[in-house]
C-alpha atoms as a PDB file:
ATOM      1  CA  MET A   1     -34.165  21.128 -30.435  1.00  0.00           C
ATOM      2  CA  ALA A   2     -32.595  20.593 -27.209  1.00  0.00           C
ATOM      3  CA  ARG A   3     -28.755  21.132 -27.388  1.00  0.00           C
ATOM      4  CA  ASP A   4     -27.948  17.854 -25.690  1.00  0.00           C
ATOM      5  CA  LEU A   5     -30.137  15.930 -28.186  1.00  0.00           C
ATOM      6  CA  VAL A   6     -28.510  17.322 -31.323  1.00  0.00           C
ATOM      7  CA  ARG A   7     -26.848  14.515 -33.396  1.00  0.00           C
ATOM      8  CA  LEU A   8     -24.628  14.658 -36.410  1.00  0.00           C
ATOM      9  CA  SER A   9     -27.551  13.422 -38.618  1.00  0.00           C
ATOM     10  CA  ASP A  10     -29.353  16.427 -37.541  1.00  0.00           C
ATOM     11  CA  VAL A  11     -26.671  18.879 -38.527  1.00  0.00           C
ATOM     12  CA  ALA A  12     -26.400  17.073 -41.846  1.00  0.00           C
ATOM     13  CA  LYS A  13     -30.047  17.305 -42.689  1.00  0.00           C
ATOM     14  CA  ALA A  14     -30.151  21.056 -41.625  1.00  0.00           C
ATOM     15  CA  ALA A  15     -27.088  21.888 -43.720  1.00  0.00           C
ATOM     16  CA  GLY A  16     -28.388  19.797 -46.646  1.00  0.00           C
ATOM     17  CA  VAL A  17     -25.370  17.428 -46.986  1.00  0.00           C
ATOM     18  CA  SER A  18     -24.943  13.759 -46.404  1.00  0.00           C
ATOM     19  CA  GLN A  19     -24.088  12.364 -42.990  1.00  0.00           C
ATOM     20  CA  GLY A  20     -20.792  11.074 -44.414  1.00  0.00           C
ATOM     21  CA  THR A  21     -20.030  14.640 -45.547  1.00  0.00           C
ATOM     22  CA  ALA A  22     -20.899  16.079 -42.259  1.00  0.00           C
ATOM     23  CA  SER A  23     -18.680  13.565 -40.446  1.00  0.00           C
ATOM     24  CA  ASN A  24     -15.700  14.496 -42.596  1.00  0.00           C
ATOM     25  CA  VAL A  25     -16.148  18.178 -41.722  1.00  0.00           C
ATOM     26  CA  PHE A  26     -15.143  17.272 -38.238  1.00  0.00           C
ATOM     27  CA  SER A  27     -12.785  14.428 -38.662  1.00  0.00           C
ATOM     28  CA  ARG A  28     -11.279  14.717 -42.119  1.00  0.00           C
ATOM     29  CA  PRO A  29     -11.981  18.495 -43.176  1.00  0.00           C
ATOM     30  CA  ASP A  30      -9.451  18.364 -45.989  1.00  0.00           C
ATOM     31  CA  LEU A  31     -11.923  15.922 -48.024  1.00  0.00           C
ATOM     32  CA  VAL A  32     -14.673  18.836 -48.025  1.00  0.00           C
ATOM     33  CA  ARG A  33     -14.973  21.841 -50.047  1.00  0.00           C
ATOM     34  CA  PRO A  34     -14.269  24.990 -48.073  1.00  0.00           C
ATOM     35  CA  GLU A  35     -17.798  26.525 -48.708  1.00  0.00           C
ATOM     36  CA  VAL A  36     -19.381  23.414 -47.554  1.00  0.00           C
ATOM     37  CA  ARG A  37     -17.267  22.985 -44.452  1.00  0.00           C
ATOM     38  CA  GLU A  38     -18.220  26.540 -43.459  1.00  0.00           C
ATOM     39  CA  ARG A  39     -21.966  25.868 -43.990  1.00  0.00           C
ATOM     40  CA  VAL A  40     -21.875  22.738 -41.912  1.00  0.00           C
ATOM     41  CA  LYS A  41     -19.947  24.392 -39.159  1.00  0.00           C
ATOM     42  CA  GLU A  42     -22.303  27.386 -39.097  1.00  0.00           C
ATOM     43  CA  THR A  43     -25.262  24.990 -39.057  1.00  0.00           C
ATOM     44  CA  ALA A  44     -23.682  22.982 -36.104  1.00  0.00           C
ATOM     45  CA  LYS A  45     -23.072  26.149 -34.246  1.00  0.00           C
ATOM     46  CA  LYS A  46     -26.508  27.308 -34.508  1.00  0.00           C
ATOM     47  CA  LEU A  47     -27.964  24.029 -33.412  1.00  0.00           C
ATOM     48  CA  GLY A  48     -25.579  23.679 -30.562  1.00  0.00           C
ATOM     49  CA  TYR A  49     -23.560  20.700 -31.929  1.00  0.00           C
ATOM     50  CA  ALA A  50     -19.906  20.812 -30.780  1.00  0.00           C
ATOM     51  CA  GLY A  51     -18.700  17.846 -32.784  1.00  0.00           C
ATOM     52  CA  PRO A  52     -18.451  13.874 -32.387  1.00  0.00           C
ATOM     53  CA  ASP A  53     -18.030  12.686 -28.821  1.00  0.00           C
ATOM     54  CA  PRO A  54     -14.332  11.712 -28.641  1.00  0.00           C
ATOM     55  CA  ARG A  55     -15.308   8.850 -26.430  1.00  0.00           C
ATOM     56  CA  GLY A  56     -17.010   7.301 -29.318  1.00  0.00           C
ATOM     57  CA  ARG A  57     -13.927   7.537 -31.490  1.00  0.00           C
ATOM     58  CA  LEU A  58     -11.829   6.147 -28.689  1.00  0.00           C
ATOM     59  CA  LEU A  59     -14.265   3.184 -28.156  1.00  0.00           C
ATOM     60  CA  ARG A  60     -14.192   2.367 -31.948  1.00  0.00           C
ATOM     61  CA  ALA A  61     -10.472   2.615 -32.073  1.00  0.00           C
ATOM     62  CA  GLY A  62     -10.177   0.475 -29.170  1.00  0.00           C
ATOM     63  CA  LYS A  63      -7.223   2.521 -27.765  1.00  0.00           C
ATOM     64  CA  SER A  64      -7.133   5.884 -25.889  1.00  0.00           C
ATOM     65  CA  ASN A  65      -3.223   6.253 -25.761  1.00  0.00           C
ATOM     66  CA  ALA A  66      -3.303   7.214 -22.204  1.00  0.00           C
ATOM     67  CA  ILE A  67      -2.196   5.772 -18.771  1.00  0.00           C
ATOM     68  CA  GLY A  68      -4.319   6.067 -15.674  1.00  0.00           C
ATOM     69  CA  VAL A  69      -2.735   6.589 -12.180  1.00  0.00           C
ATOM     70  CA  ALA A  70      -5.137   5.798  -9.567  1.00  0.00           C
ATOM     71  CA  THR A  71      -4.974   5.835  -5.731  1.00  0.00           C
ATOM     72  CA  ALA A  72      -7.462   6.196  -2.884  1.00  0.00           C
ATOM     73  CA  GLU A  73      -5.381   8.996  -1.579  1.00  0.00           C
ATOM     74  CA  PRO A  74      -6.694  12.493  -2.254  1.00  0.00           C
ATOM     75  CA  LEU A  75      -5.469  14.070  -5.609  1.00  0.00           C
ATOM     76  CA  SER A  76      -3.422  16.531  -3.728  1.00  0.00           C
ATOM     77  CA  TYR A  77      -1.187  13.541  -2.645  1.00  0.00           C
ATOM     78  CA  PHE A  78       0.323  13.412  -6.178  1.00  0.00           C
ATOM     79  CA  PHE A  79       1.674  17.020  -5.493  1.00  0.00           C
ATOM     80  CA  GLU A  80       2.438  17.237  -1.886  1.00  0.00           C
ATOM     81  CA  ASP A  81       4.175  13.925  -1.111  1.00  0.00           C
ATOM     82  CA  PRO A  82       7.729  13.904  -2.184  1.00  0.00           C
ATOM     83  CA  PHE A  83       7.473  10.110  -3.014  1.00  0.00           C
ATOM     84  CA  ALA A  84       4.549  10.729  -5.077  1.00  0.00           C
ATOM     85  CA  ARG A  85       6.101  13.544  -7.034  1.00  0.00           C
ATOM     86  CA  LEU A  86       9.119  11.515  -8.013  1.00  0.00           C
ATOM     87  CA  LEU A  87       7.025   8.520  -8.917  1.00  0.00           C
ATOM     88  CA  MET A  88       4.988  10.946 -11.242  1.00  0.00           C
ATOM     89  CA  GLN A  89       8.165  12.327 -12.625  1.00  0.00           C
ATOM     90  CA  GLY A  90       9.154   8.704 -13.812  1.00  0.00           C
ATOM     91  CA  ILE A  91       5.603   7.898 -15.054  1.00  0.00           C
ATOM     92  CA  SER A  92       5.429  11.135 -17.007  1.00  0.00           C
ATOM     93  CA  GLU A  93       8.931  10.659 -18.623  1.00  0.00           C
ATOM     94  CA  ALA A  94       7.809   7.118 -19.725  1.00  0.00           C
ATOM     95  CA  CYS A  95       4.477   8.493 -21.010  1.00  0.00           C
ATOM     96  CA  ASP A  96       6.368  11.232 -22.999  1.00  0.00           C
ATOM     97  CA  LYS A  97       8.647   8.513 -24.478  1.00  0.00           C
ATOM     98  CA  HIS A  98       5.644   6.427 -25.646  1.00  0.00           C
ATOM     99  CA  GLY A  99       3.795   9.573 -26.838  1.00  0.00           C
ATOM    100  CA  ALA A 100       0.874   8.668 -24.312  1.00  0.00           C
ATOM    101  CA  GLY A 101      -1.242  10.827 -22.297  1.00  0.00           C
ATOM    102  CA  LEU A 102      -1.673  10.684 -18.372  1.00  0.00           C
ATOM    103  CA  ALA A 103      -4.796  10.720 -16.338  1.00  0.00           C
ATOM    104  CA  LEU A 104      -4.934  11.050 -12.498  1.00  0.00           C
ATOM    105  CA  VAL A 105      -7.914   9.050 -11.236  1.00  0.00           C
ATOM    106  CA  SER A 106      -9.268   9.853  -7.692  1.00  0.00           C
ATOM    107  CA  THR A 107     -10.918   7.105  -5.787  1.00  0.00           C
ATOM    108  CA  GLN A 108     -10.955   8.721  -2.317  1.00  0.00           C
ATOM    109  CA  ASN A 109     -14.787   9.210  -2.576  1.00  0.00           C
ATOM    110  CA  GLU A 110     -15.987   5.726  -1.897  1.00  0.00           C
ATOM    111  CA  GLU A 111     -19.205   6.429  -3.808  1.00  0.00           C
ATOM    112  CA  ARG A 112     -17.484   7.457  -6.898  1.00  0.00           C
ATOM    113  CA  LEU A 113     -14.649   5.006  -6.685  1.00  0.00           C
ATOM    114  CA  ALA A 114     -16.305   2.358  -9.160  1.00  0.00           C
ATOM    115  CA  TRP A 115     -17.473   5.016 -11.646  1.00  0.00           C
ATOM    116  CA  ASN A 116     -13.995   6.796 -11.836  1.00  0.00           C
ATOM    117  CA  ILE A 117     -12.258   3.552 -12.496  1.00  0.00           C
ATOM    118  CA  GLN A 118     -14.889   2.288 -14.973  1.00  0.00           C
ATOM    119  CA  SER A 119     -15.140   5.484 -16.924  1.00  0.00           C
ATOM    120  CA  ALA A 120     -11.530   6.471 -17.158  1.00  0.00           C
ATOM    121  CA  LEU A 121     -10.454   6.715 -20.853  1.00  0.00           C
ATOM    122  CA  VAL A 122      -7.123   4.895 -20.494  1.00  0.00           C
ATOM    123  CA  ASP A 123      -5.273   1.932 -21.890  1.00  0.00           C
ATOM    124  CA  GLY A 124      -4.147   0.686 -18.395  1.00  0.00           C
ATOM    125  CA  PHE A 125      -3.672   1.806 -14.771  1.00  0.00           C
ATOM    126  CA  VAL A 126      -0.739   2.290 -12.489  1.00  0.00           C
ATOM    127  CA  LEU A 127      -2.315   1.586  -8.923  1.00  0.00           C
ATOM    128  CA  LEU A 128      -0.946   3.225  -5.955  1.00  0.00           C
ATOM    129  CA  CYS A 129      -2.304   0.709  -3.451  1.00  0.00           C
ATOM    130  CA  ILE A 130      -1.365   2.655  -0.366  1.00  0.00           C
ATOM    131  CA  ASP A 131      -4.856   2.518   0.804  1.00  0.00           C
ATOM    132  CA  ASN A 132      -7.930   0.435  -0.330  1.00  0.00           C
ATOM    133  CA  GLY A 133      -5.595  -1.413  -2.727  1.00  0.00           C
ATOM    134  CA  GLU A 134      -7.670  -4.608  -2.932  1.00  0.00           C
ATOM    135  CA  LYS A 135     -10.719  -2.779  -4.121  1.00  0.00           C
ATOM    136  CA  LEU A 136      -8.711  -0.959  -6.805  1.00  0.00           C
ATOM    137  CA  VAL A 137      -7.315  -4.244  -8.031  1.00  0.00           C
ATOM    138  CA  GLU A 138     -10.877  -5.628  -8.055  1.00  0.00           C
ATOM    139  CA  LEU A 139     -12.408  -2.758 -10.027  1.00  0.00           C
ATOM    140  CA  THR A 140      -9.437  -2.584 -12.480  1.00  0.00           C
ATOM    141  CA  ARG A 141      -9.703  -6.177 -13.238  1.00  0.00           C
ATOM    142  CA  GLU A 142     -13.429  -5.678 -14.081  1.00  0.00           C
ATOM    143  CA  ARG A 143     -12.093  -3.191 -16.862  1.00  0.00           C
ATOM    144  CA  GLN A 144      -9.996  -6.001 -18.199  1.00  0.00           C
ATOM    145  CA  LEU A 145      -7.253  -3.457 -18.931  1.00  0.00           C
ATOM    146  CA  PRO A 146      -3.617  -4.005 -18.000  1.00  0.00           C
ATOM    147  CA  PHE A 147      -2.528  -2.850 -14.674  1.00  0.00           C
ATOM    148  CA  VAL A 148       0.529  -2.634 -12.408  1.00  0.00           C
ATOM    149  CA  ALA A 149       0.121  -2.217  -8.586  1.00  0.00           C
ATOM    150  CA  LEU A 150       2.627  -0.311  -6.446  1.00  0.00           C
ATOM    151  CA  ALA A 151       2.823  -1.024  -2.684  1.00  0.00           C
ATOM    152  CA  LEU A 152       0.058  -3.787  -2.827  1.00  0.00           C
ATOM    153  CA  GLY A 153      -0.988  -4.320   0.736  1.00  0.00           C
ATOM    154  CA  LYS A 154      -1.232  -8.066   0.552  1.00  0.00           C
ATOM    155  CA  PRO A 155       0.894 -10.524  -1.419  1.00  0.00           C
ATOM    156  CA  ASP A 156      -0.915 -11.714  -4.626  1.00  0.00           C
ATOM    157  CA  GLU A 157       1.065 -13.482  -7.197  1.00  0.00           C
ATOM    158  CA  THR A 158      -1.574 -13.186  -9.775  1.00  0.00           C
ATOM    159  CA  VAL A 159      -1.233  -9.332  -9.837  1.00  0.00           C
ATOM    160  CA  SER A 160       1.453  -7.401 -11.845  1.00  0.00           C
ATOM    161  CA  ALA A 161       3.553  -5.439  -9.397  1.00  0.00           C
ATOM    162  CA  ILE A 162       6.780  -3.514  -9.280  1.00  0.00           C
ATOM    163  CA  GLY A 163       8.556  -2.699  -6.156  1.00  0.00           C
ATOM    164  CA  ILE A 164      11.347  -3.254  -3.642  1.00  0.00           C
ATOM    165  CA  ASP A 165      12.404  -5.513  -0.965  1.00  0.00           C
ATOM    166  CA  ASP A 166      11.181  -3.380   2.073  1.00  0.00           C
ATOM    167  CA  TYR A 167      12.541  -5.931   4.555  1.00  0.00           C
ATOM    168  CA  ALA A 168      15.978  -5.889   3.187  1.00  0.00           C
ATOM    169  CA  GLY A 169      15.998  -2.035   2.934  1.00  0.00           C
ATOM    170  CA  ALA A 170      14.910  -1.868   6.673  1.00  0.00           C
ATOM    171  CA  GLN A 171      17.768  -4.228   7.572  1.00  0.00           C
ATOM    172  CA  LEU A 172      20.237  -1.934   5.965  1.00  0.00           C
ATOM    173  CA  ALA A 173      19.026   0.974   8.043  1.00  0.00           C
ATOM    174  CA  ALA A 174      19.010  -0.787  11.318  1.00  0.00           C
ATOM    175  CA  ARG A 175      22.407  -2.316  10.695  1.00  0.00           C
ATOM    176  CA  HIS A 176      23.818   0.987   9.868  1.00  0.00           C
ATOM    177  CA  LEU A 177      22.756   2.429  13.201  1.00  0.00           C
ATOM    178  CA  ALA A 178      23.684  -0.703  15.177  1.00  0.00           C
ATOM    179  CA  GLU A 179      27.132  -0.682  13.841  1.00  0.00           C
ATOM    180  CA  LEU A 180      27.515   2.943  14.946  1.00  0.00           C
ATOM    181  CA  GLY A 181      27.023   1.508  18.530  1.00  0.00           C
ATOM    182  CA  HIS A 182      23.348   2.619  19.049  1.00  0.00           C
ATOM    183  CA  ARG A 183      21.343   0.307  21.241  1.00  0.00           C
ATOM    184  CA  ARG A 184      18.264   2.486  22.262  1.00  0.00           C
ATOM    185  CA  PHE A 185      15.927   2.936  19.372  1.00  0.00           C
ATOM    186  CA  GLY A 186      12.367   4.375  18.473  1.00  0.00           C
ATOM    187  CA  VAL A 187      10.556   3.619  15.284  1.00  0.00           C
ATOM    188  CA  LEU A 188       8.211   6.096  13.511  1.00  0.00           C
ATOM    189  CA  ALA A 189       6.085   3.709  11.506  1.00  0.00           C
ATOM    190  CA  LEU A 190       3.868   4.363   8.382  1.00  0.00           C
ATOM    191  CA  GLU A 191       0.266   3.307   8.439  1.00  0.00           C
ATOM    192  CA  LEU A 192      -0.540  -0.311   9.375  1.00  0.00           C
ATOM    193  CA  ASP A 193      -4.236   0.005   8.180  1.00  0.00           C
ATOM    194  CA  GLU A 194      -6.862   2.733   7.286  1.00  0.00           C
ATOM    195  CA  VAL A 195      -7.796   4.273  10.568  1.00  0.00           C
ATOM    196  CA  HIS A 196      -5.220   3.718  13.443  1.00  0.00           C
ATOM    197  CA  GLU A 197      -2.632   5.918  14.909  1.00  0.00           C
ATOM    198  CA  GLY A 198      -0.569   5.305  18.055  1.00  0.00           C
ATOM    199  CA  PRO A 199       1.757   2.937  19.736  1.00  0.00           C
ATOM    200  CA  VAL A 200       1.711  -0.532  18.391  1.00  0.00           C
ATOM    201  CA  GLY A 201       3.028  -3.915  19.633  1.00  0.00           C
ATOM    202  CA  GLU A 202       4.446  -6.916  17.925  1.00  0.00           C
ATOM    203  CA  ALA A 203       0.957  -8.684  17.447  1.00  0.00           C
ATOM    204  CA  GLN A 204      -0.443  -5.590  15.632  1.00  0.00           C
ATOM    205  CA  LEU A 205       2.763  -5.282  13.349  1.00  0.00           C
ATOM    206  CA  ALA A 206       2.428  -8.898  12.489  1.00  0.00           C
ATOM    207  CA  ALA A 207      -1.292  -8.397  11.524  1.00  0.00           C
ATOM    208  CA  ALA A 208      -0.626  -4.970   9.641  1.00  0.00           C
ATOM    209  CA  THR A 209      -2.827  -4.565   6.512  1.00  0.00           C
ATOM    210  CA  TYR A 210      -0.156  -2.740   4.362  1.00  0.00           C
ATOM    211  CA  SER A 211       2.779  -5.023   3.576  1.00  0.00           C
ATOM    212  CA  THR A 212       5.139  -2.024   3.324  1.00  0.00           C
ATOM    213  CA  THR A 213       4.754  -1.068   7.032  1.00  0.00           C
ATOM    214  CA  ARG A 214       4.842  -4.658   8.047  1.00  0.00           C
ATOM    215  CA  GLU A 215       7.927  -5.574   6.155  1.00  0.00           C
ATOM    216  CA  ARG A 216       9.963  -2.674   7.298  1.00  0.00           C
ATOM    217  CA  ALA A 217       9.075  -3.121  10.967  1.00  0.00           C
ATOM    218  CA  THR A 218      10.039  -6.886  10.737  1.00  0.00           C
ATOM    219  CA  GLY A 219      13.272  -5.757   8.952  1.00  0.00           C
ATOM    220  CA  TYR A 220      14.170  -3.229  11.624  1.00  0.00           C
ATOM    221  CA  LEU A 221      13.371  -5.436  14.581  1.00  0.00           C
ATOM    222  CA  GLU A 222      14.870  -8.716  13.444  1.00  0.00           C
ATOM    223  CA  GLU A 223      18.061  -6.983  12.372  1.00  0.00           C
ATOM    224  CA  LEU A 224      18.342  -5.183  15.813  1.00  0.00           C
ATOM    225  CA  ALA A 225      17.787  -8.451  17.551  1.00  0.00           C
ATOM    226  CA  LEU A 226      21.089  -9.779  16.092  1.00  0.00           C
ATOM    227  CA  TYR A 227      22.644  -7.027  18.077  1.00  0.00           C
ATOM    228  CA  GLY A 228      21.032  -7.995  21.283  1.00  0.00           C
ATOM    229  CA  VAL A 229      18.317  -5.137  21.194  1.00  0.00           C
ATOM    230  CA  GLU A 230      15.165  -6.871  22.491  1.00  0.00           C
ATOM    231  CA  ARG A 231      11.967  -6.034  20.860  1.00  0.00           C
ATOM    232  CA  ASP A 232      10.112  -4.839  23.925  1.00  0.00           C
ATOM    233  CA  ARG A 233      12.706  -2.054  24.242  1.00  0.00           C
ATOM    234  CA  ILE A 234      11.842  -0.496  21.014  1.00  0.00           C
ATOM    235  CA  PRO A 235       8.862   1.688  21.054  1.00  0.00           C
ATOM    236  CA  VAL A 236       6.934   1.832  17.828  1.00  0.00           C
ATOM    237  CA  TYR A 237       4.514   4.432  16.957  1.00  0.00           C
ATOM    238  CA  GLU A 238       2.224   4.339  13.976  1.00  0.00           C
ATOM    239  CA  THR A 239       1.847   7.636  12.312  1.00  0.00           C
ATOM    240  CA  ARG A 240      -0.428   8.978   9.587  1.00  0.00           C
ATOM    241  CA  SER A 241       2.684  10.651   7.815  1.00  0.00           C
ATOM    242  CA  THR A 242       1.626  14.090   8.898  1.00  0.00           C
ATOM    243  CA  ARG A 243       3.551  16.593  11.000  1.00  0.00           C
ATOM    244  CA  ASP A 244       0.971  16.318  13.884  1.00  0.00           C
ATOM    245  CA  SER A 245       1.134  12.657  14.161  1.00  0.00           C
ATOM    246  CA  VAL A 246       4.799  12.744  13.932  1.00  0.00           C
ATOM    247  CA  ARG A 247       4.829  15.165  16.860  1.00  0.00           C
ATOM    248  CA  ARG A 248       2.658  12.734  18.855  1.00  0.00           C
ATOM    249  CA  GLY A 249       4.909   9.782  17.931  1.00  0.00           C
ATOM    250  CA  LEU A 250       7.874  11.709  19.328  1.00  0.00           C
ATOM    251  CA  ASP A 251       5.939  12.523  22.475  1.00  0.00           C
ATOM    252  CA  HIS A 252       5.570   8.794  22.896  1.00  0.00           C
ATOM    253  CA  ILE A 253       9.068   7.708  22.084  1.00  0.00           C
ATOM    254  CA  LEU A 254      10.810  10.270  24.009  1.00  0.00           C
ATOM    255  CA  THR A 255       8.963  10.019  27.184  1.00  0.00           C
ATOM    256  CA  GLY A 256       9.811   6.222  27.676  1.00  0.00           C
ATOM    257  CA  ALA A 257      12.000   4.709  30.349  1.00  0.00           C
ATOM    258  CA  GLU A 258      14.966   5.238  28.019  1.00  0.00           C
ATOM    259  CA  ARG A 259      15.432   8.179  25.584  1.00  0.00           C
ATOM    260  CA  PRO A 260      16.434   6.626  22.168  1.00  0.00           C
ATOM    261  CA  THR A 261      19.803   7.649  20.734  1.00  0.00           C
ATOM    262  CA  ALA A 262      18.491   6.662  17.305  1.00  0.00           C
ATOM    263  CA  ILE A 263      15.220   6.740  15.485  1.00  0.00           C
ATOM    264  CA  LEU A 264      14.228   4.669  12.425  1.00  0.00           C
ATOM    265  CA  ALA A 265      11.609   6.515  10.236  1.00  0.00           C
ATOM    266  CA  MET A 266       9.682   4.510   7.659  1.00  0.00           C
ATOM    267  CA  SER A 267       9.748   7.387   5.083  1.00  0.00           C
ATOM    268  CA  ASP A 268      11.895  10.525   4.420  1.00  0.00           C
ATOM    269  CA  ARG A 269       8.766  12.601   4.696  1.00  0.00           C
ATOM    270  CA  VAL A 270       8.230  11.230   8.435  1.00  0.00           C
ATOM    271  CA  ALA A 271      11.986  11.656   9.118  1.00  0.00           C
ATOM    272  CA  MET A 272      12.022  15.265   7.988  1.00  0.00           C
ATOM    273  CA  PHE A 273       9.215  16.131  10.105  1.00  0.00           C
ATOM    274  CA  ALA A 274      10.944  14.474  13.010  1.00  0.00           C
ATOM    275  CA  ILE A 275      14.077  16.450  12.445  1.00  0.00           C
ATOM    276  CA  GLU A 276      12.106  19.698  12.587  1.00  0.00           C
ATOM    277  CA  GLU A 277      10.221  18.648  15.729  1.00  0.00           C
ATOM    278  CA  LEU A 278      13.288  17.539  17.574  1.00  0.00           C
ATOM    279  CA  ALA A 279      14.898  20.892  16.772  1.00  0.00           C
ATOM    280  CA  ALA A 280      11.865  22.525  18.252  1.00  0.00           C
ATOM    281  CA  ARG A 281      12.429  20.516  21.562  1.00  0.00           C
ATOM    282  CA  GLY A 282      16.031  21.529  21.677  1.00  0.00           C
ATOM    283  CA  LEU A 283      17.414  18.151  20.544  1.00  0.00           C
ATOM    284  CA  ARG A 284      20.194  17.937  17.852  1.00  0.00           C
ATOM    285  CA  VAL A 285      20.432  15.648  14.991  1.00  0.00           C
ATOM    286  CA  PRO A 286      22.709  13.835  14.952  1.00  0.00           C
ATOM    287  CA  GLU A 287      24.453  14.952  18.190  1.00  0.00           C
ATOM    288  CA  ASP A 288      21.551  13.982  20.385  1.00  0.00           C
ATOM    289  CA  ILE A 289      19.622  11.718  18.270  1.00  0.00           C
ATOM    290  CA  SER A 290      20.544   9.978  15.033  1.00  0.00           C
ATOM    291  CA  ILE A 291      17.774   9.380  12.417  1.00  0.00           C
ATOM    292  CA  VAL A 292      17.493   7.231   9.277  1.00  0.00           C
ATOM    293  CA  GLY A 293      14.665   7.768   6.619  1.00  0.00           C
ATOM    294  CA  PHE A 294      13.425   5.640   3.834  1.00  0.00           C
ATOM    295  CA  ASP A 295      12.797   6.376   0.032  1.00  0.00           C
ATOM    296  CA  GLY A 296      15.574   8.545  -1.099  1.00  0.00           C
ATOM    297  CA  VAL A 297      13.521  11.508  -2.177  1.00  0.00           C
ATOM    298  CA  PRO A 298      15.454  14.541  -3.431  1.00  0.00           C
ATOM    299  CA  GLU A 299      14.372  16.840  -0.354  1.00  0.00           C
ATOM    300  CA  ALA A 300      16.364  14.313   1.805  1.00  0.00           C
ATOM    301  CA  ALA A 301      19.629  15.516   0.509  1.00  0.00           C
ATOM    302  CA  THR A 302      18.842  19.232   1.149  1.00  0.00           C
ATOM    303  CA  CYS A 303      17.190  19.057   4.549  1.00  0.00           C
ATOM    304  CA  ILE A 304      19.339  20.177   7.624  1.00  0.00           C
ATOM    305  CA  PRO A 305      21.188  17.987   8.364  1.00  0.00           C
ATOM    306  CA  PRO A 306      21.112  15.979   5.093  1.00  0.00           C
ATOM    307  CA  LEU A 307      19.184  12.822   5.769  1.00  0.00           C
ATOM    308  CA  THR A 308      20.672   9.436   5.825  1.00  0.00           C
ATOM    309  CA  THR A 309      18.274   7.227   3.991  1.00  0.00           C
ATOM    310  CA  VAL A 310      17.393   3.886   2.329  1.00  0.00           C
ATOM    311  CA  ALA A 311      16.938   4.890  -1.210  1.00  0.00           C
ATOM    312  CA  GLN A 312      14.701   3.184  -3.586  1.00  0.00           C
ATOM    313  CA  PRO A 313      14.537   3.750  -7.424  1.00  0.00           C
ATOM    314  CA  ILE A 314      11.187   5.698  -7.212  1.00  0.00           C
ATOM    315  CA  ALA A 315      11.248   7.297 -10.718  1.00  0.00           C
ATOM    316  CA  GLU A 316      12.470   4.043 -12.274  1.00  0.00           C
ATOM    317  CA  ILE A 317       9.639   2.235 -10.792  1.00  0.00           C
ATOM    318  CA  GLY A 318       7.211   4.587 -12.432  1.00  0.00           C
ATOM    319  CA  ARG A 319       8.942   4.206 -15.752  1.00  0.00           C
ATOM    320  CA  ARG A 320       8.992   0.521 -15.582  1.00  0.00           C
ATOM    321  CA  ALA A 321       5.217   0.368 -14.649  1.00  0.00           C
ATOM    322  CA  VAL A 322       4.370   2.533 -17.714  1.00  0.00           C
ATOM    323  CA  LYS A 323       6.493   0.146 -20.036  1.00  0.00           C
ATOM    324  CA  ALA A 324       4.900  -2.909 -18.478  1.00  0.00           C
ATOM    325  CA  ILE A 325       1.529  -1.725 -19.512  1.00  0.00           C
ATOM    326  CA  LEU A 326       2.167  -0.258 -22.868  1.00  0.00           C
ATOM    327  CA  GLU A 327       4.720  -2.847 -24.101  1.00  0.00           C
ATOM    328  CA  GLY A 328       3.477  -5.857 -22.116  1.00  0.00           C
ATOM    329  CA  ASP A 329       1.985  -9.101 -23.508  1.00  0.00           C
ATOM    330  CA  GLY A 330      -0.778  -9.450 -21.130  1.00  0.00           C
ATOM    331  CA  SER A 331       1.029 -11.874 -18.724  1.00  0.00           C
ATOM    332  CA  VAL A 332       1.616 -11.093 -15.020  1.00  0.00           C
ATOM    333  CA  HIS A 333       4.689  -8.842 -14.788  1.00  0.00           C
ATOM    334  CA  ARG A 334       6.579  -8.736 -11.318  1.00  0.00           C
ATOM    335  CA  GLU A 335       9.804  -6.982 -10.669  1.00  0.00           C
ATOM    336  CA  THR A 336      11.728  -6.259  -7.401  1.00  0.00           C
ATOM    337  CA  LEU A 337      14.320  -3.450  -7.762  1.00  0.00           C
ATOM    338  CA  PRO A 338      17.341  -2.977  -5.442  1.00  0.00           C
ATOM    339  CA  VAL A 339      17.755  -0.378  -2.665  1.00  0.00           C
ATOM    340  CA  GLU A 340      20.840   1.233  -1.363  1.00  0.00           C
ATOM    341  CA  LEU A 341      21.776   2.993   1.945  1.00  0.00           C
ATOM    342  CA  ILE A 342      22.776   6.581   1.286  1.00  0.00           C
ATOM    343  CA  VAL A 343      24.696   7.827   4.545  1.00  0.00           C
ATOM    344  CA  ARG A 344      24.692  11.506   5.145  1.00  0.00           C
ATOM    345  CA  GLU A 345      24.929  13.809   8.275  1.00  0.00           C
ATOM    346  CA  SER A 346      21.829  12.889  10.125  1.00  0.00           C
ATOM    347  CA  THR A 347      23.622   9.658  11.756  1.00  0.00           C
ATOM    348  CA  ARG A 348      26.770   9.456  13.834  1.00  0.00           C
ATOM    349  CA  ALA A 349      28.306   7.111  16.267  1.00  0.00           C
ATOM    350  CA  ALA A 350      26.466   6.707  19.713  1.00  0.00           C
ATOM    351  CA  SER A 351      28.060   8.817  22.522  1.00  0.00           C
END
């Protein structure tokens, strides 16, 4: 008999017991006499039967007691990106508190995206909608499981979401630098869409696919306008959040008509790459150029110099997302959490 075709009924017949007794051997062994248990297990081993498919039990129970975290980024993103690591810390803490498991769902492979979402044995999803967010939402809705979207690209009041006011956070960063007397700026932006990198203008920013980038850019530019800084004097470079793209961004920003005295970076990761690249060019932070990040990851406090940043409650966002899934009543759940400016040594008054 082919091993992948062996069923519990085959084991029961070969061991000379009822199917109910064979089932109890694997699910409730205390109800079966030791000698019968051993006979059934030995028979199962010979036939190549490893036990009931756990997926069947989960389907019958209607609950897997696990949360799925899905993103179109590669799985390495969860471990390499400081923001993702802190978010996963909050998610893990909440899962531990509820006694729930955690599954990372990769959807980067377009051909496998639907299958990975549809086959995940979870009770709900936290969606990191950094890339391909609308597709993630669509597929998760088809599962008819609760989900919470983080960093959803386009506003959708029908989707449960937890996040921050990116516009207000960007205003805090720009205002801090403007009040220090800075009037020459550069912006190292996050991704506007899935494929582009390079200098971007006002029209491109307004049409950005990803709302996080769009809102932060708008917050920077509109706040600086209050201090008399005209939009066309601020070079904006869309990075891919990598060291190489930040290097190219600095090439663009620093070779303009006016070298900026301050840089607004849309993430701490980008800001820290920029600090390292500026040092390699012989430029000091903050003596030559001040820089402000965004996110408030732990590494921002320990880099050299320590980074001024707009801190968002990353771990708390993860904890609340899990709570909304496991304790929610099925209604749309939307929260906007506060941010704060943490002033450290990467900014100083303009000279």
